């Protein structure tokens, strides 16, 4: 598949994959995805899952486009940056999720979205 189709499909595929995992974990398996916020707790619903993964995909695509224009090794720089951002993003669920099940599901969501974006956007 050429780059002009693969990248938009990747950016759309990341939230679709995340929403599928959320649907299996929350309504089907009954996991309660709760995170600590500034003053209490909040449940993670489907809208934040889709919006966060879509924004991550769009930001990754934009960064890759800039790197392809100005960097000598854009794919390598982008992949290293994306993996670093993914690693840092794991501090959210590891430090803010309430309960083991919520932590595991949220980490899985982060890793899934990261994998889809890294594998889908970086390839030439």
Protein backbone atom coordinates (compact mmCIF):
# COMPACT_ATOMS: atom_id res chain seq x y z
CA UNK A 1 0.00 0.00 0.00
CA UNK A 2 1.35 3.42 -0.86
CA UNK A 3 2.14 6.09 1.72
CA UNK A 4 -0.73 8.34 0.71
CA UNK A 5 -3.25 5.71 1.85
CA UNK A 6 -1.31 3.87 4.53
CA UNK A 7 -0.75 6.81 6.83
CA UNK A 8 -4.37 8.02 7.05
CA UNK A 9 -5.52 4.43 7.50
CA UNK A 10 -2.96 3.97 10.26
CA UNK A 11 -4.13 7.13 12.04
CA UNK A 12 -7.73 5.88 11.79
CA UNK A 13 -6.75 2.31 12.65
CA UNK A 14 -5.16 3.21 15.99
CA UNK A 15 -8.40 4.52 17.56
CA UNK A 16 -10.38 1.68 16.01
CA UNK A 17 -8.04 -0.88 17.57
CA UNK A 18 -8.09 0.93 20.91
CA UNK A 19 -11.88 1.13 20.89
CA UNK A 20 -12.10 -2.61 20.15
CA UNK A 21 -9.91 -3.40 23.16
CA UNK A 22 -11.89 -0.97 25.32
CA UNK A 23 -15.14 -2.66 24.22
CA UNK A 24 -13.80 -6.10 25.09
CA UNK A 25 -12.39 -4.96 28.43
CA UNK A 26 -15.19 -2.73 29.71
CA UNK A 27 -18.65 -3.75 28.49
CA UNK A 28 -17.79 -7.39 27.72
CA UNK A 29 -15.35 -8.32 30.51
CA UNK A 30 -16.74 -5.83 33.03
CA UNK A 31 -13.47 -4.11 33.83
CA UNK A 32 -13.88 -0.68 35.37
CA UNK A 33 -11.30 1.72 33.92
CA UNK A 34 -10.84 4.34 36.59
CA UNK A 35 -8.00 6.85 36.83
CA UNK A 36 -7.01 9.32 39.50
CA UNK A 37 -7.49 12.95 38.56
CA UNK A 38 -6.54 16.12 40.40
CA UNK A 39 -9.34 15.94 42.92
CA UNK A 40 -10.72 12.43 42.70
CA UNK A 41 -11.27 9.69 40.17
CA UNK A 42 -12.80 9.44 36.73
CA UNK A 43 -13.89 6.53 34.57
CA UNK A 44 -12.32 6.18 31.12
CA UNK A 45 -15.02 5.89 28.49
CA UNK A 46 -14.90 5.29 24.75
CA UNK A 47 -14.70 8.96 23.74
CA UNK A 48 -11.44 9.71 25.59
CA UNK A 49 -9.95 6.47 24.23
CA UNK A 50 -10.78 7.44 20.63
CA UNK A 51 -9.82 11.11 20.99
CA UNK A 52 -6.48 10.41 22.70
CA UNK A 53 -5.44 7.77 20.20
CA UNK A 54 -6.55 9.91 17.25
CA UNK A 55 -4.62 12.92 18.56
CA UNK A 56 -1.54 10.76 19.10
CA UNK A 57 -1.80 9.50 15.53
CA UNK A 58 -2.22 12.96 14.06
CA UNK A 59 0.68 14.34 16.11
CA UNK A 60 2.90 11.44 15.06
CA UNK A 61 1.99 11.89 11.41
CA UNK A 62 2.66 15.63 11.60
CA UNK A 63 6.05 15.09 13.23
CA UNK A 64 6.97 12.51 10.62
CA UNK A 65 5.99 14.91 7.82
CA UNK A 66 8.21 17.64 9.28
CA UNK A 67 11.11 15.22 9.75
CA UNK A 68 10.78 13.96 6.18
CA UNK A 69 11.11 17.49 4.96
CA UNK A 70 14.06 18.60 7.09
CA UNK A 71 15.92 15.58 8.52
CA UNK A 72 18.43 13.33 6.80
CA UNK A 73 17.13 10.13 8.48
CA UNK A 74 13.49 10.90 9.23
CA UNK A 75 12.29 7.33 9.74
CA UNK A 76 14.96 6.53 12.29
CA UNK A 77 14.51 9.79 14.20
CA UNK A 78 10.73 9.41 14.17
CA UNK A 79 10.82 5.81 15.38
CA UNK A 80 13.16 6.64 18.26
CA UNK A 81 11.04 9.65 19.21
CA UNK A 82 7.80 7.66 18.96
CA UNK A 83 9.15 4.86 21.15
CA UNK A 84 10.37 7.38 23.73
CA UNK A 85 6.95 9.06 23.79
CA UNK A 86 5.29 5.65 24.12
CA UNK A 87 7.54 4.76 27.06
CA UNK A 88 6.77 8.08 28.76
CA UNK A 89 3.04 7.66 28.14
CA UNK A 90 3.08 4.48 30.21
CA UNK A 91 3.66 6.56 33.35
CA UNK A 92 0.02 7.69 33.05
CA UNK A 93 -1.63 4.32 33.58
CA UNK A 94 1.13 3.01 35.81
CA UNK A 95 0.80 5.93 38.19
CA UNK A 96 -2.82 6.96 37.77
CA UNK A 97 -4.95 3.88 37.18
CA UNK A 98 -7.07 2.59 40.03
CA UNK A 99 -6.64 -1.16 40.44
CA UNK A 100 -4.65 -3.85 38.74
CA UNK A 101 -7.19 -4.62 36.01
CA UNK A 102 -7.50 -0.96 35.03
CA UNK A 103 -3.72 -0.60 34.99
CA UNK A 104 -3.27 -3.64 32.76
CA UNK A 105 -6.00 -2.59 30.31
CA UNK A 106 -4.75 1.00 30.08
CA UNK A 107 -1.15 -0.14 29.57
CA UNK A 108 -2.41 -2.50 26.86
CA UNK A 109 -4.26 0.38 25.19
CA UNK A 110 -1.13 2.53 25.21
CA UNK A 111 1.03 -0.28 23.82
CA UNK A 112 -1.52 -1.18 21.15
CA UNK A 113 -1.92 2.38 19.89
CA UNK A 114 1.86 2.84 19.98
CA UNK A 115 2.46 -0.37 18.05
CA UNK A 116 -0.10 0.50 15.38
CA UNK A 117 1.33 3.98 14.92
CA UNK A 118 5.00 3.02 15.00
CA UNK A 119 4.56 0.12 12.60
CA UNK A 120 2.10 1.90 10.33
CA UNK A 121 3.60 5.37 10.06
CA UNK A 122 7.32 4.69 10.03
CA UNK A 123 7.45 2.18 7.20
CA UNK A 124 8.39 3.35 3.73
